[in-house]
């Protein structure tokens, strides 16, 4: 079974660059407090790296 990552948007997207907002939206995060579960792969890790300071990331086992 593949691992998953729980991602929560902890900071607002107001005033962020369009690329950063688009990255958050591609992860399924629209407003503060939104939580999504994503597969743990290179694509997801790359997105997290771009806007990691806005997120809280928890790895599931």
PDB file of N, CA and C in Angstrom:
ATOM      1  N   UNK A   1       0.838  -1.185   0.000  1.00  0.00           N
ATOM      2  CA  UNK A   1       0.000   0.000   0.000  1.00  0.00           C
ATOM      3  C   UNK A   1       0.882   1.247   0.000  1.00  0.00           C
ATOM      4  N   UNK A   2       0.544   2.203  -0.817  1.00  0.00           N
ATOM      5  CA  UNK A   2       1.331   3.434  -0.935  1.00  0.00           C
ATOM      6  C   UNK A   2       1.084   4.349   0.259  1.00  0.00           C
ATOM      7  N   UNK A   3       2.104   5.089   0.619  1.00  0.00           N
ATOM      8  CA  UNK A   3       1.971   6.054   1.698  1.00  0.00           C
ATOM      9  C   UNK A   3       1.204   7.268   1.218  1.00  0.00           C
ATOM     10  N   UNK A   4       0.594   7.951   2.164  1.00  0.00           N
ATOM     11  CA  UNK A   4      -0.120   9.186   1.869  1.00  0.00           C
ATOM     12  C   UNK A   4       0.410  10.303   2.744  1.00  0.00           C
ATOM     13  N   UNK A   5       0.153  11.531   2.319  1.00  0.00           N
ATOM     14  CA  UNK A   5       0.544  12.715   3.069  1.00  0.00           C
ATOM     15  C   UNK A   5      -0.713  13.535   3.322  1.00  0.00           C
ATOM     16  N   UNK A   6      -0.909  13.955   4.568  1.00  0.00           N
ATOM     17  CA  UNK A   6      -2.002  14.851   4.900  1.00  0.00           C
ATOM     18  C   UNK A   6      -1.454  16.273   4.873  1.00  0.00           C
ATOM     19  N   UNK A   7      -2.105  17.131   4.104  1.00  0.00           N
ATOM     20  CA  UNK A   7      -1.642  18.502   3.924  1.00  0.00           C
ATOM     21  C   UNK A   7      -2.753  19.450   4.363  1.00  0.00           C
ATOM     22  N   UNK A   8      -2.380  20.431   5.199  1.00  0.00           N
ATOM     23  CA  UNK A   8      -3.331  21.424   5.689  1.00  0.00           C
ATOM     24  C   UNK A   8      -2.812  22.814   5.359  1.00  0.00           C
ATOM     25  N   UNK A   9      -3.681  23.671   4.833  1.00  0.00           N
ATOM     26  CA  UNK A   9      -3.302  25.049   4.539  1.00  0.00           C
ATOM     27  C   UNK A   9      -3.355  25.842   5.840  1.00  0.00           C
ATOM     28  N   UNK A  10      -2.188  26.306   6.307  1.00  0.00           N
ATOM     29  CA  UNK A  10      -2.082  26.971   7.597  1.00  0.00           C
ATOM     30  C   UNK A  10      -2.071  28.493   7.496  1.00  0.00           C
ATOM     31  N   UNK A  11      -1.652  29.021   6.351  1.00  0.00           N
ATOM     32  CA  UNK A  11      -1.585  30.466   6.167  1.00  0.00           C
ATOM     33  C   UNK A  11      -2.398  30.867   4.945  1.00  0.00           C
ATOM     34  N   UNK A  12      -2.815  32.108   4.932  1.00  0.00           N
ATOM     35  CA  UNK A  12      -3.664  32.636   3.868  1.00  0.00           C
ATOM     36  C   UNK A  12      -2.942  32.716   2.529  1.00  0.00           C
ATOM     37  N   UNK A  13      -3.728  32.641   1.472  1.00  0.00           N
ATOM     38  CA  UNK A  13      -3.201  32.805   0.126  1.00  0.00           C
ATOM     39  C   UNK A  13      -3.303  34.254  -0.358  1.00  0.00           C
ATOM     40  N   UNK A  14      -3.877  35.122   0.471  1.00  0.00           N
ATOM     41  CA  UNK A  14      -3.994  36.533   0.104  1.00  0.00           C
ATOM     42  C   UNK A  14      -2.623  37.156  -0.073  1.00  0.00           C
ATOM     43  N   UNK A  15      -2.446  37.874  -1.165  1.00  0.00           N
ATOM     44  CA  UNK A  15      -1.202  38.571  -1.418  1.00  0.00           C
ATOM     45  C   UNK A  15      -0.079  37.698  -1.951  1.00  0.00           C
ATOM     46  N   UNK A  16      -0.339  36.444  -2.211  1.00  0.00           N
ATOM     47  CA  UNK A  16       0.683  35.526  -2.742  1.00  0.00           C
ATOM     48  C   UNK A  16       0.734  35.644  -4.263  1.00  0.00           C
ATOM     49  N   UNK A  17       1.829  35.213  -4.830  1.00  0.00           N
ATOM     50  CA  UNK A  17       1.971  35.201  -6.283  1.00  0.00           C
ATOM     51  C   UNK A  17       0.975  34.222  -6.904  1.00  0.00           C
ATOM     52  N   UNK A  18       0.598  34.473  -8.154  1.00  0.00           N
ATOM     53  CA  UNK A  18      -0.363  33.606  -8.840  1.00  0.00           C
ATOM     54  C   UNK A  18       0.117  32.166  -8.902  1.00  0.00           C
ATOM     55  N   UNK A  19       1.421  31.972  -9.093  1.00  0.00           N
ATOM     56  CA  UNK A  19       1.977  30.614  -9.151  1.00  0.00           C
ATOM     57  C   UNK A  19       1.765  29.875  -7.834  1.00  0.00           C
ATOM     58  N   UNK A  20       1.933  30.588  -6.713  1.00  0.00           N
ATOM     59  CA  UNK A  20       1.776  29.961  -5.403  1.00  0.00           C
ATOM     60  C   UNK A  20       0.320  29.601  -5.151  1.00  0.00           C
ATOM     61  N   UNK A  21      -0.589  30.477  -5.537  1.00  0.00           N
ATOM     62  CA  UNK A  21      -2.019  30.202  -5.375  1.00  0.00           C
ATOM     63  C   UNK A  21      -2.416  29.018  -6.254  1.00  0.00           C
ATOM     64  N   UNK A  22      -1.901  28.975  -7.481  1.00  0.00           N
ATOM     65  CA  UNK A  22      -2.212  27.872  -8.390  1.00  0.00           C
ATOM     66  C   UNK A  22      -1.687  26.548  -7.841  1.00  0.00           C
ATOM     67  N   UNK A  23      -0.522  26.568  -7.225  1.00  0.00           N
ATOM     68  CA  UNK A  23       0.038  25.347  -6.636  1.00  0.00           C
ATOM     69  C   UNK A  23      -0.845  24.858  -5.492  1.00  0.00           C
ATOM     70  N   UNK A  24      -1.289  25.780  -4.630  1.00  0.00           N
ATOM     71  CA  UNK A  24      -2.182  25.403  -3.532  1.00  0.00           C
ATOM     72  C   UNK A  24      -3.486  24.828  -4.074  1.00  0.00           C
ATOM     73  N   UNK A  25      -4.039  25.449  -5.104  1.00  0.00           N
ATOM     74  CA  UNK A  25      -5.289  24.961  -5.688  1.00  0.00           C
ATOM     75  C   UNK A  25      -5.096  23.589  -6.315  1.00  0.00           C
ATOM     76  N   UNK A  26      -3.931  23.345  -6.904  1.00  0.00           N
ATOM     77  CA  UNK A  26      -3.687  22.032  -7.515  1.00  0.00           C
ATOM     78  C   UNK A  26      -3.602  20.927  -6.461  1.00  0.00           C
ATOM     79  N   UNK A  27      -3.281  21.311  -5.227  1.00  0.00           N
ATOM     80  CA  UNK A  27      -3.276  20.355  -4.116  1.00  0.00           C
ATOM     81  C   UNK A  27      -4.667  20.214  -3.496  1.00  0.00           C
ATOM     82  N   UNK A  28      -5.625  21.016  -3.952  1.00  0.00           N
ATOM     83  CA  UNK A  28      -6.989  20.950  -3.421  1.00  0.00           C
ATOM     84  C   UNK A  28      -7.198  21.841  -2.216  1.00  0.00           C
ATOM     85  N   UNK A  29      -6.344  22.841  -2.035  1.00  0.00           N
ATOM     86  CA  UNK A  29      -6.423  23.751  -0.889  1.00  0.00           C
ATOM     87  C   UNK A  29      -6.888  25.117  -1.355  1.00  0.00           C
ATOM     88  N   UNK A  30      -7.983  25.592  -0.809  1.00  0.00           N
ATOM     89  CA  UNK A  30      -8.551  26.870  -1.250  1.00  0.00           C
ATOM     90  C   UNK A  30      -8.549  27.917  -0.140  1.00  0.00           C
ATOM     91  N   UNK A  31      -8.824  27.511   1.108  1.00  0.00           N
ATOM     92  CA  UNK A  31      -8.869  28.478   2.199  1.00  0.00           C
ATOM     93  C   UNK A  31      -8.202  27.898   3.436  1.00  0.00           C
ATOM     94  N   UNK A  32      -7.910  28.766   4.404  1.00  0.00           N
ATOM     95  CA  UNK A  32      -7.215  28.344   5.615  1.00  0.00           C
ATOM     96  C   UNK A  32      -8.009  27.228   6.292  1.00  0.00           C
ATOM     97  N   UNK A  33      -7.290  26.191   6.699  1.00  0.00           N
ATOM     98  CA  UNK A  33      -7.922  25.077   7.389  1.00  0.00           C
ATOM     99  C   UNK A  33      -8.311  23.924   6.489  1.00  0.00           C
ATOM    100  N   UNK A  34      -8.269  24.121   5.188  1.00  0.00           N
ATOM    101  CA  UNK A  34      -8.563  23.022   4.260  1.00  0.00           C
ATOM    102  C   UNK A  34      -7.523  21.921   4.414  1.00  0.00           C
ATOM    103  N   UNK A  35      -7.993  20.675   4.396  1.00  0.00           N
ATOM    104  CA  UNK A  35      -7.111  19.518   4.546  1.00  0.00           C
ATOM    105  C   UNK A  35      -7.345  18.587   3.367  1.00  0.00           C
ATOM    106  N   UNK A  36      -6.261  18.028   2.858  1.00  0.00           N
ATOM    107  CA  UNK A  36      -6.343  17.068   1.763  1.00  0.00           C
ATOM    108  C   UNK A  36      -5.341  15.951   2.002  1.00  0.00           C
ATOM    109  N   UNK A  37      -5.644  14.784   1.474  1.00  0.00           N
ATOM    110  CA  UNK A  37      -4.733  13.646   1.547  1.00  0.00           C
ATOM    111  C   UNK A  37      -4.237  13.368   0.136  1.00  0.00           C
ATOM    112  N   UNK A  38      -2.925  13.393  -0.033  1.00  0.00           N
ATOM    113  CA  UNK A  38      -2.303  13.213  -1.342  1.00  0.00           C
ATOM    114  C   UNK A  38      -1.339  12.037  -1.288  1.00  0.00           C
ATOM    115  N   UNK A  39      -1.084  11.397  -2.426  1.00  0.00           N
ATOM    116  CA  UNK A  39      -0.095  10.318  -2.457  1.00  0.00           C
ATOM    117  C   UNK A  39       1.311  10.880  -2.244  1.00  0.00           C
ATOM    118  N   UNK A  40       2.164  10.110  -1.603  1.00  0.00           N
ATOM    119  CA  UNK A  40       3.540  10.521  -1.353  1.00  0.00           C
ATOM    120  C   UNK A  40       4.393  10.156  -2.561  1.00  0.00           C
ATOM    121  N   UNK A  41       4.499  11.102  -3.501  1.00  0.00           N
ATOM    122  CA  UNK A  41       5.318  10.872  -4.696  1.00  0.00           C
ATOM    123  C   UNK A  41       6.103  12.148  -5.009  1.00  0.00           C
ATOM    124  N   UNK A  42       6.939  12.088  -6.027  1.00  0.00           N
ATOM    125  CA  UNK A  42       7.786  13.221  -6.373  1.00  0.00           C
ATOM    126  C   UNK A  42       6.989  14.455  -6.778  1.00  0.00           C
ATOM    127  N   UNK A  43       5.900  14.267  -7.470  1.00  0.00           N
ATOM    128  CA  UNK A  43       5.076  15.390  -7.905  1.00  0.00           C
ATOM    129  C   UNK A  43       4.506  16.151  -6.711  1.00  0.00           C
ATOM    130  N   UNK A  44       3.954  15.426  -5.764  1.00  0.00           N
ATOM    131  CA  UNK A  44       3.388  16.053  -4.572  1.00  0.00           C
ATOM    132  C   UNK A  44       4.478  16.712  -3.744  1.00  0.00           C
ATOM    133  N   UNK A  45       5.608  16.045  -3.587  1.00  0.00           N
ATOM    134  CA  UNK A  45       6.733  16.611  -2.823  1.00  0.00           C
ATOM    135  C   UNK A  45       7.244  17.906  -3.459  1.00  0.00           C
ATOM    136  N   UNK A  46       7.249  17.968  -4.787  1.00  0.00           N
ATOM    137  CA  UNK A  46       7.681  19.172  -5.488  1.00  0.00           C
ATOM    138  C   UNK A  46       6.757  20.344  -5.220  1.00  0.00           C
ATOM    139  N   UNK A  47       5.457  20.072  -5.208  1.00  0.00           N
ATOM    140  CA  UNK A  47       4.481  21.126  -4.921  1.00  0.00           C
ATOM    141  C   UNK A  47       4.622  21.613  -3.484  1.00  0.00           C
ATOM    142  N   UNK A  48       4.828  20.680  -2.557  1.00  0.00           N
ATOM    143  CA  UNK A  48       4.992  21.047  -1.158  1.00  0.00           C
ATOM    144  C   UNK A  48       6.238  21.903  -0.979  1.00  0.00           C
ATOM    145  N   UNK A  49       7.307  21.587  -1.698  1.00  0.00           N
ATOM    146  CA  UNK A  49       8.549  22.346  -1.594  1.00  0.00           C
ATOM    147  C   UNK A  49       8.361  23.801  -2.021  1.00  0.00           C
ATOM    148  N   UNK A  50       7.485  24.036  -2.990  1.00  0.00           N
ATOM    149  CA  UNK A  50       7.270  25.388  -3.494  1.00  0.00           C
ATOM    150  C   UNK A  50       6.546  26.282  -2.496  1.00  0.00           C
ATOM    151  N   UNK A  51       5.593  25.717  -1.740  1.00  0.00           N
ATOM    152  CA  UNK A  51       4.792  26.542  -0.825  1.00  0.00           C
ATOM    153  C   UNK A  51       4.774  25.955   0.585  1.00  0.00           C
ATOM    154  N   UNK A  52       5.827  25.286   0.956  1.00  0.00           N
ATOM    155  CA  UNK A  52       5.879  24.597   2.243  1.00  0.00           C
ATOM    156  C   UNK A  52       5.671  25.483   3.448  1.00  0.00           C
ATOM    157  N   UNK A  53       6.056  26.750   3.356  1.00  0.00           N
ATOM    158  CA  UNK A  53       5.908  27.662   4.487  1.00  0.00           C
ATOM    159  C   UNK A  53       4.450  28.042   4.743  1.00  0.00           C
ATOM    160  N   UNK A  54       3.550  27.696   3.826  1.00  0.00           N
ATOM    161  CA  UNK A  54       2.125  27.949   3.999  1.00  0.00           C
ATOM    162  C   UNK A  54       1.370  26.734   4.538  1.00  0.00           C
ATOM    163  N   UNK A  55       2.056  25.595   4.613  1.00  0.00           N
ATOM    164  CA  UNK A  55       1.391  24.325   4.892  1.00  0.00           C
ATOM    165  C   UNK A  55       1.838  23.684   6.190  1.00  0.00           C
ATOM    166  N   UNK A  56       0.984  22.779   6.679  1.00  0.00           N
ATOM    167  CA  UNK A  56       1.351  21.828   7.725  1.00  0.00           C
ATOM    168  C   UNK A  56       1.234  20.449   7.081  1.00  0.00           C
ATOM    169  N   UNK A  57       2.332  19.710   7.093  1.00  0.00           N
ATOM    170  CA  UNK A  57       2.378  18.412   6.409  1.00  0.00           C
ATOM    171  C   UNK A  57       2.574  17.311   7.444  1.00  0.00           C
ATOM    172  N   UNK A  58       1.743  16.269   7.350  1.00  0.00           N
ATOM    173  CA  UNK A  58       1.837  15.108   8.215  1.00  0.00           C
ATOM    174  C   UNK A  58       1.920  13.864   7.349  1.00  0.00           C
ATOM    175  N   UNK A  59       2.923  13.037   7.606  1.00  0.00           N
ATOM    176  CA  UNK A  59       3.060  11.803   6.852  1.00  0.00           C
ATOM    177  C   UNK A  59       2.281  10.699   7.541  1.00  0.00           C
ATOM    178  N   UNK A  60       1.509   9.965   6.759  1.00  0.00           N
ATOM    179  CA  UNK A  60       0.764   8.823   7.286  1.00  0.00           C
ATOM    180  C   UNK A  60       1.548   7.556   7.029  1.00  0.00           C
ATOM    181  N   UNK A  61       1.389   6.585   7.891  1.00  0.00           N
ATOM    182  CA  UNK A  61       2.090   5.312   7.726  1.00  0.00           C
ATOM    183  C   UNK A  61       1.161   4.241   7.257  1.00  0.00           C
TER     184      UNK A  61
END
